[in-house]
Amino acid sequence: MNPNSFFLNPLNTILETHSLTKKFGRITAVNDLSFSLSRSSITALLGGNGAGKTTTLSMLLGLLRPSSGEISLFGKDFVKDRFPVLGRMNFSSPYVDLPQRLTVGENLLVYAKLYGVVHPKERIQQVAKSFRLEKLLDQRLRRLSSGQKTRVSLAKSLINEPEFLLLDEPTASLDPDTTVWIREFLQEYRDQRGATILFASHDMREVELLCDEALLMKEGKLVEKGSPQGLLDKYQRNNLEEVFLQVNRKGME
């Protein structure tokens, strides 16, 4: 087998992982993880606490180096050289703080410049309008509510119009009405930009409504995958939460 064949990357595939593993001493946080994401798809990464989701996202962001295994992103070897593709991706998490002393506008400007956005002020106005932040641009981040901070984090993640978007609990702290329009916004962004979105969530209803595919991890391993409807049919359950509980509890009886 050609040693470079893994990185030949089919035209419709944005991300591929092969035998991805991360160990912290004697603890294996991610174990032999292999999956791929198609262009213009929305995929959920599911699992209980300690399943390996955050470690997986950290490796896909280049924040952690795998102990072994391979990551191909846009056909490039992301483990060996991530810098050529970092500008084509972005990330949001309500659990990762942006600078609290800066205003919303200052935060967005910093990241616009980091990502080399050509017309940063115009782009900031665009994302501020998309996430209903126009009246908050001059507010310091530390004065905002949790839901407002979540919207700022999402706006930051779209500042460079990424082709690959990683989201950790994208609707955490949002009220039901805001959750609906954020979900619709992400679907519209995917359709218009042709973007690929991978997000971790505990909201199974959100996964059913938003995702093309779900990946379920347990103890660092990928134990199930499929479309939401395919998983419902396979396990003969009424909703994805019941599927999640059944798969997660398997072997515990």
Foldseek 3Di string as FASTA:
>chain_A
DPPLVVLPDDPFWFKWWAQFWADDVPATQAGGETDTFTFLFEEEEEEDPSLNPVVVVCVVLVNDQTPDIFMHGNSDGCNVPVVVCNLQFFEFELVDDQDQQQFLQVSQLVLLVVSPPPDSVVLLVVLCVLLVNPVRRRPGNNPDDSQVRLSSRVSSRCSSPHQEYEYEASRPPHDPVSVVSVLVVVSVSSVVSSHYYYYYHPPQVSQLVRGQKYFYGGSNYGDDMGGQVVLCVVVVHDTVVVSNVVSRCPPVD
